Amino acid sequence: MPGHLRNAYYNPGDQIAITLDPSGRTHYIPKEVVSRDDLDQIVTEFEMSEQTSKAAWLVFVRLSKLQPFQDGNKRTALIVANHAVKALETQNYLLIPENPLDRMDFTTALMRYYAANGSAEEQLSFDRLYRIVNMPVSQSKPTEYEFPDAKTKHYKIKETFSTNKHYDKNQTY
């Protein structure tokens, strides 16, 4: 049932859990029934804020943690956050880091937000995530490192490894 708000009392497919670690031992289980009031609260808090990109990223993490749908929650949350800051008009989009290491840090911070117990832990996790997405673009691109070499005096090493090889692609993280 695409597009409906999750209600695990009536639809067993709406009973979801997000695996928080590669071992599969730790899970975040969102509330079983998501209501329009839950969504309205997130929207209202954004409308009452200064409506900055930081406030939009808070919309993203809160919607992601709420998990209002069976699938596509992070994609939907990113679209909503970009709409909130009028990114289509300004061309100043909120983007998930492209660099694999930064993306892993981003995902880890988001998983910490999911696992947070209480607003203080959520704030710490959000601050960590926001620092990652707020890095200057030049810092988030892969870096070339120079090492001495006997023949040429130096050579460059570029990123050559996969950071996702330990994760099951069929899992939600």
N, C-alpha and C. Protein backbone atom coordinates (compact mmCIF):
# COMPACT_ATOMS: atom_id res chain seq x y z
N MET A 1 0.84 -1.18 0.00
CA MET A 1 0.00 0.00 0.00
C MET A 1 0.89 1.25 0.00
N PRO A 2 1.45 1.60 -1.14
CA PRO A 2 2.34 2.76 -1.21
C PRO A 2 1.65 4.05 -0.78
N GLY A 3 2.39 4.87 -0.06
CA GLY A 3 1.91 6.20 0.29
C GLY A 3 1.05 6.29 1.53
N HIS A 4 0.62 5.18 2.09
CA HIS A 4 -0.19 5.27 3.30
C HIS A 4 0.71 5.37 4.53
N LEU A 5 0.20 5.99 5.57
CA LEU A 5 0.95 6.06 6.83
C LEU A 5 0.91 4.68 7.49
N ARG A 6 2.04 4.30 8.06
CA ARG A 6 2.13 2.99 8.68
C ARG A 6 1.15 2.84 9.84
N ASN A 7 0.51 1.66 9.88
CA ASN A 7 -0.36 1.28 10.99
C ASN A 7 -0.20 -0.22 11.19
N ALA A 8 0.70 -0.59 12.09
CA ALA A 8 1.02 -2.00 12.30
C ALA A 8 -0.11 -2.77 12.96
N TYR A 9 -1.10 -2.08 13.53
CA TYR A 9 -2.23 -2.78 14.13
C TYR A 9 -3.09 -3.42 13.05
N TYR A 10 -3.19 -2.78 11.90
CA TYR A 10 -4.06 -3.26 10.83
C TYR A 10 -3.30 -3.91 9.69
N ASN A 11 -2.03 -3.62 9.53
CA ASN A 11 -1.26 -4.14 8.40
C ASN A 11 0.06 -4.70 8.90
N PRO A 12 0.22 -6.01 8.88
CA PRO A 12 1.46 -6.62 9.36
C PRO A 12 2.70 -6.12 8.60
N GLY A 13 2.56 -5.71 7.35
CA GLY A 13 3.68 -5.18 6.58
C GLY A 13 4.19 -3.86 7.11
N ASP A 14 3.41 -3.22 7.98
CA ASP A 14 3.83 -1.95 8.57
C ASP A 14 4.66 -2.14 9.84
N GLN A 15 4.88 -3.37 10.24
CA GLN A 15 5.75 -3.65 11.39
C GLN A 15 7.17 -3.68 10.86
N ILE A 16 7.91 -2.62 11.15
CA ILE A 16 9.26 -2.52 10.60
C ILE A 16 10.27 -2.32 11.72
N ALA A 17 11.52 -2.64 11.40
CA ALA A 17 12.65 -2.40 12.30
C ALA A 17 13.82 -2.01 11.42
N ILE A 18 14.63 -1.08 11.88
CA ILE A 18 15.81 -0.64 11.16
C ILE A 18 17.03 -1.20 11.87
N THR A 19 17.82 -1.96 11.12
CA THR A 19 19.04 -2.52 11.68
C THR A 19 20.06 -1.41 11.85
N LEU A 20 20.61 -1.29 13.03
CA LEU A 20 21.53 -0.20 13.34
C LEU A 20 23.00 -0.58 13.25
N ASP A 21 23.29 -1.85 13.12
CA ASP A 21 24.70 -2.24 13.02
C ASP A 21 24.85 -3.40 12.05
N PRO A 22 26.04 -3.57 11.50
CA PRO A 22 26.26 -4.63 10.51
C PRO A 22 26.05 -6.04 11.06
N SER A 23 26.19 -6.22 12.37
CA SER A 23 26.01 -7.56 12.95
C SER A 23 24.53 -7.96 12.97
N GLY A 24 23.64 -6.97 12.86
CA GLY A 24 22.22 -7.26 12.88
C GLY A 24 21.65 -7.50 14.26
N ARG A 25 22.40 -7.14 15.29
CA ARG A 25 21.95 -7.37 16.67
C ARG A 25 21.19 -6.20 17.27
N THR A 26 21.39 -5.00 16.74
CA THR A 26 20.76 -3.81 17.31
C THR A 26 19.77 -3.23 16.29
N HIS A 27 18.56 -2.96 16.78
CA HIS A 27 17.53 -2.45 15.89
C HIS A 27 16.83 -1.25 16.51
N TYR A 28 16.35 -0.40 15.64
CA TYR A 28 15.45 0.68 16.05
C TYR A 28 14.07 0.28 15.58
N ILE A 29 13.13 0.28 16.50
CA ILE A 29 11.75 -0.06 16.15
C ILE A 29 10.91 1.20 16.33
N PRO A 30 10.46 1.79 15.22
CA PRO A 30 9.67 3.02 15.33
C PRO A 30 8.27 2.72 15.86
N LYS A 31 7.58 3.77 16.22
CA LYS A 31 6.22 3.59 16.74
C LYS A 31 5.37 2.82 15.73
N GLU A 32 4.42 2.06 16.23
CA GLU A 32 3.65 1.16 15.36
C GLU A 32 2.62 1.87 14.51
N VAL A 33 2.09 2.98 15.00
CA VAL A 33 1.06 3.70 14.26
C VAL A 33 1.51 5.15 14.08
N VAL A 34 1.58 5.58 12.84
CA VAL A 34 1.97 6.95 12.52
C VAL A 34 0.70 7.69 12.11
N SER A 35 0.51 8.86 12.70
CA SER A 35 -0.69 9.65 12.40
C SER A 35 -0.32 10.95 11.70
N ARG A 36 -1.32 11.59 11.15
CA ARG A 36 -1.11 12.91 10.55
C ARG A 36 -0.63 13.91 11.59
N ASP A 37 -1.06 13.74 12.83
CA ASP A 37 -0.61 14.63 13.90
C ASP A 37 0.91 14.55 14.08
N ASP A 38 1.47 13.35 13.92
CA ASP A 38 2.93 13.20 14.01
C ASP A 38 3.62 14.04 12.94
N LEU A 39 3.10 13.98 11.73
CA LEU A 39 3.66 14.77 10.63
C LEU A 39 3.43 16.26 10.85
N ASP A 40 2.23 16.60 11.29
CA ASP A 40 1.90 18.01 11.53
C ASP A 40 2.82 18.63 12.58
N GLN A 41 3.18 17.86 13.59
CA GLN A 41 4.07 18.37 14.63
C GLN A 41 5.44 18.73 14.05
N ILE A 42 5.98 17.90 13.19
CA ILE A 42 7.27 18.17 12.55
C ILE A 42 7.17 19.42 11.68
N VAL A 43 6.09 19.52 10.91
CA VAL A 43 5.90 20.68 10.03
C VAL A 43 5.72 21.95 10.85
N THR A 44 4.92 21.89 11.89
CA THR A 44 4.66 23.06 12.73
C THR A 44 5.95 23.56 13.39
N GLU A 45 6.76 22.64 13.89
CA GLU A 45 8.02 23.05 14.51
C GLU A 45 8.95 23.71 13.49
N PHE A 46 8.94 23.23 12.25
CA PHE A 46 9.75 23.88 11.22
C PHE A 46 9.20 25.27 10.93
N GLU A 47 7.89 25.37 10.79
CA GLU A 47 7.26 26.67 10.49
C GLU A 47 7.53 27.69 11.59
N MET A 48 7.65 27.24 12.83
CA MET A 48 7.91 28.14 13.95
C MET A 48 9.40 28.46 14.10
N SER A 49 10.24 27.74 13.37
CA SER A 49 11.69 27.96 13.44
C SER A 49 12.08 29.12 12.52
N GLU A 50 13.38 29.37 12.43
CA GLU A 50 13.88 30.40 11.52
C GLU A 50 13.94 29.89 10.08
N GLN A 51 13.56 28.64 9.87
CA GLN A 51 13.48 28.00 8.56
C GLN A 51 14.82 28.04 7.82
N THR A 52 15.88 27.74 8.55
CA THR A 52 17.21 27.66 7.99
C THR A 52 17.47 26.26 7.44
N SER A 53 18.61 26.08 6.81
CA SER A 53 18.96 24.74 6.33
C SER A 53 19.13 23.79 7.53
N LYS A 54 19.62 24.31 8.65
CA LYS A 54 19.76 23.46 9.84
C LYS A 54 18.38 22.97 10.30
N ALA A 55 17.40 23.85 10.28
CA ALA A 55 16.03 23.45 10.65
C ALA A 55 15.48 22.43 9.66
N ALA A 56 15.84 22.57 8.39
CA ALA A 56 15.39 21.61 7.37
C ALA A 56 16.05 20.25 7.58
N TRP A 57 17.33 20.24 7.98
CA TRP A 57 17.98 18.97 8.28
C TRP A 57 17.33 18.32 9.49
N LEU A 58 16.83 19.12 10.43
CA LEU A 58 16.11 18.57 11.57
C LEU A 58 14.81 17.91 11.10
N VAL A 59 14.14 18.53 10.14
CA VAL A 59 12.96 17.91 9.53
C VAL A 59 13.36 16.55 8.94
N PHE A 60 14.48 16.53 8.23
CA PHE A 60 14.96 15.28 7.62
C PHE A 60 15.13 14.18 8.67
N VAL A 61 15.88 14.46 9.74
CA VAL A 61 16.15 13.40 10.72
C VAL A 61 14.89 12.99 11.46
N ARG A 62 14.03 13.95 11.75
CA ARG A 62 12.80 13.61 12.48
C ARG A 62 11.86 12.76 11.63
N LEU A 63 11.72 13.12 10.36
CA LEU A 63 10.89 12.30 9.46
C LEU A 63 11.51 10.93 9.25
N SER A 64 12.82 10.90 9.10
CA SER A 64 13.50 9.61 8.91
C SER A 64 13.29 8.71 10.12
N LYS A 65 13.42 9.27 11.31
CA LYS A 65 13.24 8.47 12.53
C LYS A 65 11.78 8.05 12.71
N LEU A 66 10.87 8.89 12.34
CA LEU A 66 9.44 8.55 12.46
C LEU A 66 9.09 7.35 11.58
N GLN A 67 9.73 7.22 10.42
CA GLN A 67 9.46 6.13 9.48
C GLN A 67 7.95 6.05 9.18
N PRO A 68 7.39 7.12 8.59
CA PRO A 68 5.95 7.12 8.37
C PRO A 68 5.47 6.13 7.30
N PHE A 69 6.36 5.66 6.44
CA PHE A 69 5.97 4.76 5.35
C PHE A 69 6.75 3.45 5.45
N GLN A 70 6.30 2.43 4.72
CA GLN A 70 7.01 1.16 4.70
C GLN A 70 8.37 1.28 4.04
N ASP A 71 8.49 2.14 3.04
CA ASP A 71 9.72 2.24 2.27
C ASP A 71 9.90 3.68 1.80
N GLY A 72 11.13 4.07 1.53
CA GLY A 72 11.42 5.37 0.95
C GLY A 72 11.40 6.52 1.93
N ASN A 73 11.54 6.25 3.21
CA ASN A 73 11.42 7.30 4.22
C ASN A 73 12.54 8.34 4.14
N LYS A 74 13.78 7.91 3.96
CA LYS A 74 14.89 8.87 3.89
C LYS A 74 14.81 9.68 2.59
N ARG A 75 14.46 9.02 1.49
CA ARG A 75 14.30 9.76 0.22
C ARG A 75 13.20 10.81 0.35
N THR A 76 12.07 10.39 0.91
CA THR A 76 10.95 11.32 1.10
C THR A 76 11.34 12.45 2.04
N ALA A 77 12.03 12.12 3.12
CA ALA A 77 12.44 13.14 4.10
C ALA A 77 13.37 14.16 3.46
N LEU A 78 14.28 13.71 2.60
CA LEU A 78 15.20 14.64 1.94
C LEU A 78 14.45 15.56 0.96
N ILE A 79 13.47 15.02 0.26
CA ILE A 79 12.66 15.84 -0.64
C ILE A 79 11.87 16.88 0.15
N VAL A 80 11.28 16.45 1.26
CA VAL A 80 10.51 17.37 2.11
C VAL A 80 11.42 18.47 2.67
N ALA A 81 12.60 18.10 3.16
CA ALA A 81 13.54 19.08 3.72
C ALA A 81 13.96 20.08 2.66
N ASN A 82 14.23 19.62 1.45
CA ASN A 82 14.59 20.53 0.36
C ASN A 82 13.43 21.44 -0.01
N HIS A 83 12.23 20.90 -0.01
CA HIS A 83 11.06 21.74 -0.29
C HIS A 83 10.88 22.80 0.81
N ALA A 84 11.13 22.40 2.04
CA ALA A 84 10.96 23.33 3.17
C ALA A 84 11.84 24.57 3.03
N VAL A 85 13.06 24.39 2.51
CA VAL A 85 13.96 25.54 2.36
C VAL A 85 13.93 26.12 0.94
N LYS A 86 12.90 25.73 0.18
CA LYS A 86 12.71 26.26 -1.17
C LYS A 86 13.95 26.06 -2.05
N ALA A 87 14.53 24.87 -1.96
CA ALA A 87 15.76 24.57 -2.69
C ALA A 87 15.58 24.65 -4.20
N LEU A 88 14.39 24.32 -4.69
CA LEU A 88 14.16 24.39 -6.13
C LEU A 88 14.29 25.83 -6.63
N GLU A 89 13.84 26.76 -5.83
CA GLU A 89 13.93 28.18 -6.20
C GLU A 89 15.35 28.71 -6.05
N THR A 90 16.02 28.34 -4.97
CA THR A 90 17.34 28.91 -4.68
C THR A 90 18.49 28.11 -5.29
N GLN A 91 18.20 26.88 -5.73
CA GLN A 91 19.23 25.96 -6.25
C GLN A 91 20.28 25.63 -5.19
N ASN A 92 19.93 25.82 -3.93
CA ASN A 92 20.83 25.50 -2.81
C ASN A 92 20.28 24.26 -2.11
N TYR A 93 20.57 23.09 -2.68
CA TYR A 93 19.98 21.84 -2.23
C TYR A 93 20.69 21.27 -1.01
N LEU A 94 19.91 20.61 -0.19
CA LEU A 94 20.45 19.82 0.91
C LEU A 94 20.82 18.47 0.30
N LEU A 95 22.07 18.07 0.46
CA LEU A 95 22.54 16.84 -0.16
C LEU A 95 23.21 15.93 0.86
N ILE A 96 22.97 14.65 0.70
CA ILE A 96 23.68 13.66 1.51
C ILE A 96 25.09 13.56 0.94
N PRO A 97 26.10 13.47 1.79
CA PRO A 97 27.48 13.45 1.29
C PRO A 97 27.73 12.39 0.22
N GLU A 98 28.50 12.76 -0.76
CA GLU A 98 28.82 11.86 -1.87
C GLU A 98 30.06 11.03 -1.57
N ASN A 99 31.02 11.62 -0.86
CA ASN A 99 32.24 10.92 -0.51
C ASN A 99 31.88 9.71 0.36
N PRO A 100 32.36 8.52 0.02
CA PRO A 100 31.97 7.32 0.77
C PRO A 100 32.25 7.39 2.27
N LEU A 101 33.38 7.97 2.67
CA LEU A 101 33.68 8.05 4.10
C LEU A 101 32.75 9.03 4.81
N ASP A 102 32.49 10.17 4.17
CA ASP A 102 31.56 11.14 4.76
C ASP A 102 30.15 10.56 4.79
N ARG A 103 29.80 9.81 3.76
CA ARG A 103 28.47 9.20 3.72
C ARG A 103 28.32 8.17 4.84
N MET A 104 29.39 7.42 5.11
CA MET A 104 29.35 6.47 6.21
C MET A 104 29.20 7.20 7.54
N ASP A 105 29.92 8.31 7.71
CA ASP A 105 29.78 9.12 8.93
C ASP A 105 28.35 9.65 9.05
N PHE A 106 27.80 10.11 7.93
CA PHE A 106 26.43 10.62 7.90
C PHE A 106 25.45 9.52 8.34
N THR A 107 25.59 8.35 7.75
CA THR A 107 24.69 7.24 8.07
C THR A 107 24.83 6.83 9.53
N THR A 108 26.06 6.82 10.02
CA THR A 108 26.29 6.49 11.43
C THR A 108 25.62 7.52 12.34
N ALA A 109 25.76 8.79 12.00
CA ALA A 109 25.11 9.84 12.80
C ALA A 109 23.59 9.70 12.77
N LEU A 110 23.05 9.35 11.60
CA LEU A 110 21.60 9.15 11.50
C LEU A 110 21.17 7.94 12.33
N MET A 111 21.94 6.87 12.29
CA MET A 111 21.61 5.69 13.10
C MET A 111 21.69 6.02 14.60
N ARG A 112 22.66 6.87 14.97
CA ARG A 112 22.74 7.32 16.37
C ARG A 112 21.49 8.12 16.75
N TYR A 113 20.99 8.90 15.80
CA TYR A 113 19.76 9.67 16.05
C TYR A 113 18.60 8.69 16.26
N TYR A 114 18.52 7.67 15.43
CA TYR A 114 17.47 6.67 15.61
C TYR A 114 17.55 6.03 16.98
N ALA A 115 18.77 5.69 17.41
CA ALA A 115 18.97 4.97 18.67
C ALA A 115 18.88 5.86 19.89
N ALA A 116 18.87 7.17 19.70
CA ALA A 116 18.90 8.11 20.83
C ALA A 116 17.67 7.94 21.71
N ASN A 117 17.94 8.00 23.01
CA ASN A 117 16.86 7.96 24.00
C ASN A 117 16.72 9.34 24.60
N GLY A 118 15.73 10.07 24.18
CA GLY A 118 15.49 11.39 24.73
C GLY A 118 16.08 12.50 23.87
N SER A 119 15.61 13.69 24.14
CA SER A 119 15.95 14.84 23.31
C SER A 119 17.43 15.24 23.42
N ALA A 120 18.06 15.04 24.57
CA ALA A 120 19.48 15.42 24.70
C ALA A 120 20.35 14.54 23.81
N GLU A 121 20.11 13.23 23.80
CA GLU A 121 20.86 12.33 22.93
C GLU A 121 20.55 12.61 21.46
N GLU A 122 19.29 12.89 21.16
CA GLU A 122 18.93 13.23 19.78
C GLU A 122 19.67 14.49 19.33
N GLN A 123 19.76 15.47 20.21
CA GLN A 123 20.44 16.72 19.85
C GLN A 123 21.93 16.48 19.57
N LEU A 124 22.57 15.67 20.39
CA LEU A 124 23.98 15.35 20.16
C LEU A 124 24.17 14.64 18.82
N SER A 125 23.31 13.69 18.53
CA SER A 125 23.40 12.96 17.27
C SER A 125 23.11 13.87 16.08
N PHE A 126 22.12 14.74 16.24
CA PHE A 126 21.80 15.68 15.16
C PHE A 126 22.96 16.64 14.92
N ASP A 127 23.56 17.15 15.98
CA ASP A 127 24.69 18.07 15.82
C ASP A 127 25.83 17.40 15.05
N ARG A 128 26.07 16.14 15.34
CA ARG A 128 27.11 15.39 14.63
C ARG A 128 26.75 15.28 13.14
N LEU A 129 25.52 14.92 12.85
CA LEU A 129 25.08 14.81 11.46
C LEU A 129 25.17 16.15 10.74
N TYR A 130 24.75 17.20 11.43
CA TYR A 130 24.76 18.52 10.79
C TYR A 130 26.18 19.00 10.48
N ARG A 131 27.12 18.70 11.35
CA ARG A 131 28.52 19.05 11.05
C ARG A 131 28.99 18.36 9.77
N ILE A 132 28.57 17.13 9.57
CA ILE A 132 28.97 16.38 8.38
C ILE A 132 28.37 16.99 7.12
N VAL A 133 27.07 17.30 7.14
CA VAL A 133 26.44 17.84 5.92
C VAL A 133 26.79 19.29 5.70
N ASN A 134 27.29 19.95 6.71
CA ASN A 134 27.61 21.38 6.61
C ASN A 134 29.09 21.63 6.30
N MET A 135 29.85 20.55 6.05
CA MET A 135 31.25 20.73 5.69
C MET A 135 31.35 21.41 4.33
N PRO A 136 32.36 22.24 4.15
CA PRO A 136 32.58 22.81 2.81
C PRO A 136 32.81 21.67 1.81
N VAL A 137 32.32 21.85 0.61
CA VAL A 137 32.40 20.81 -0.41
C VAL A 137 33.84 20.36 -0.62
N SER A 138 34.78 21.28 -0.60
CA SER A 138 36.18 20.91 -0.83
C SER A 138 36.69 19.92 0.21
N GLN A 139 36.13 19.95 1.42
CA GLN A 139 36.57 19.02 2.47
C GLN A 139 35.92 17.65 2.31
N SER A 140 34.78 17.58 1.65
CA SER A 140 34.08 16.31 1.58
C SER A 140 34.46 15.50 0.34
N LYS A 141 35.30 16.03 -0.55
CA LYS A 141 35.72 15.29 -1.73
C LYS A 141 36.90 14.39 -1.38
N PRO A 142 37.03 13.25 -2.08
CA PRO A 142 38.18 12.38 -1.81
C PRO A 142 39.49 13.14 -1.99
N THR A 143 40.43 12.86 -1.13
CA THR A 143 41.71 13.56 -1.15
C THR A 143 42.79 12.67 -1.74
N GLU A 144 43.71 13.27 -2.45
CA GLU A 144 44.88 12.54 -2.94
C GLU A 144 46.01 12.77 -1.94
N TYR A 145 46.71 11.71 -1.60
CA TYR A 145 47.81 11.80 -0.65
C TYR A 145 49.12 11.50 -1.38
N GLU A 146 50.17 12.21 -1.05
CA GLU A 146 51.47 11.98 -1.67
C GLU A 146 52.36 11.23 -0.70
N PHE A 147 53.03 10.20 -1.24
CA PHE A 147 53.97 9.40 -0.47
C PHE A 147 55.28 9.34 -1.24
N PRO A 148 56.42 9.31 -0.54
CA PRO A 148 57.69 9.23 -1.26
C PRO A 148 57.83 7.91 -2.02
N ASP A 149 58.44 7.99 -3.16
CA ASP A 149 58.72 6.82 -3.97
C ASP A 149 60.16 6.92 -4.44
N ALA A 150 60.90 5.82 -4.41
CA ALA A 150 62.32 5.86 -4.74
C ALA A 150 62.60 6.35 -6.16
N LYS A 151 61.73 6.01 -7.12
CA LYS A 151 62.00 6.37 -8.51
C LYS A 151 61.50 7.78 -8.85
N THR A 152 60.28 8.08 -8.48
CA THR A 152 59.69 9.35 -8.90
C THR A 152 59.64 10.38 -7.79
N LYS A 153 60.09 10.04 -6.61
CA LYS A 153 60.08 10.90 -5.43
C LYS A 153 58.68 11.05 -4.81
N HIS A 154 57.64 10.74 -5.57
CA HIS A 154 56.29 10.74 -4.99
C HIS A 154 55.32 10.03 -5.93
N TYR A 155 54.22 9.60 -5.37
CA TYR A 155 53.12 9.08 -6.17
C TYR A 155 51.84 9.38 -5.41
N LYS A 156 50.72 9.27 -6.12
CA LYS A 156 49.45 9.61 -5.50
C LYS A 156 48.60 8.36 -5.32
N ILE A 157 47.93 8.31 -4.20
CA ILE A 157 47.02 7.20 -3.93
C ILE A 157 45.62 7.78 -3.86
N LYS A 158 44.75 7.21 -4.62
CA LYS A 158 43.35 7.62 -4.57
C LYS A 158 42.56 6.54 -3.87
N GLU A 159 41.37 6.88 -3.44
CA GLU A 159 40.51 5.95 -2.75
C GLU A 159 40.25 4.74 -3.64
N THR A 160 40.53 3.54 -3.13
CA THR A 160 40.39 2.34 -3.95
C THR A 160 39.65 1.22 -3.23
N PHE A 161 38.96 1.52 -2.17
CA PHE A 161 38.29 0.48 -1.42
C PHE A 161 36.81 0.79 -1.29
N SER A 162 36.02 -0.23 -1.05
CA SER A 162 34.59 -0.08 -0.87
C SER A 162 34.29 -0.02 0.62
N THR A 163 33.52 0.98 1.03
CA THR A 163 33.18 1.09 2.45
C THR A 163 31.91 0.32 2.77
N ASN A 164 31.21 -0.18 1.75
CA ASN A 164 29.93 -0.85 1.98
C ASN A 164 30.01 -2.37 1.93
N LYS A 165 31.21 -2.94 1.79
CA LYS A 165 31.31 -4.38 1.60
C LYS A 165 30.83 -5.18 2.82
N HIS A 166 30.77 -4.57 3.99
CA HIS A 166 30.36 -5.29 5.19
C HIS A 166 28.85 -5.22 5.43
N TYR A 167 28.14 -4.48 4.62
CA TYR A 167 26.72 -4.28 4.82
C TYR A 167 25.91 -5.10 3.84
N ASP A 168 24.83 -5.66 4.30
CA ASP A 168 23.92 -6.39 3.45
C ASP A 168 23.05 -5.39 2.70
N LYS A 169 23.08 -5.44 1.38
CA LYS A 169 22.35 -4.45 0.58
C LYS A 169 20.83 -4.59 0.73
N ASN A 170 20.36 -5.71 1.26
CA ASN A 170 18.92 -5.91 1.43
C ASN A 170 18.42 -5.38 2.76
N GLN A 171 19.33 -4.91 3.60
CA GLN A 171 18.95 -4.38 4.91
C GLN A 171 18.68 -2.88 4.81
N THR A 172 17.86 -2.37 5.71
CA THR A 172 17.67 -0.93 5.83
C THR A 172 18.57 -0.45 6.95
N TYR A 173 19.40 0.54 6.68
CA TYR A 173 20.32 1.09 7.68
C TYR A 173 19.97 2.50 7.99
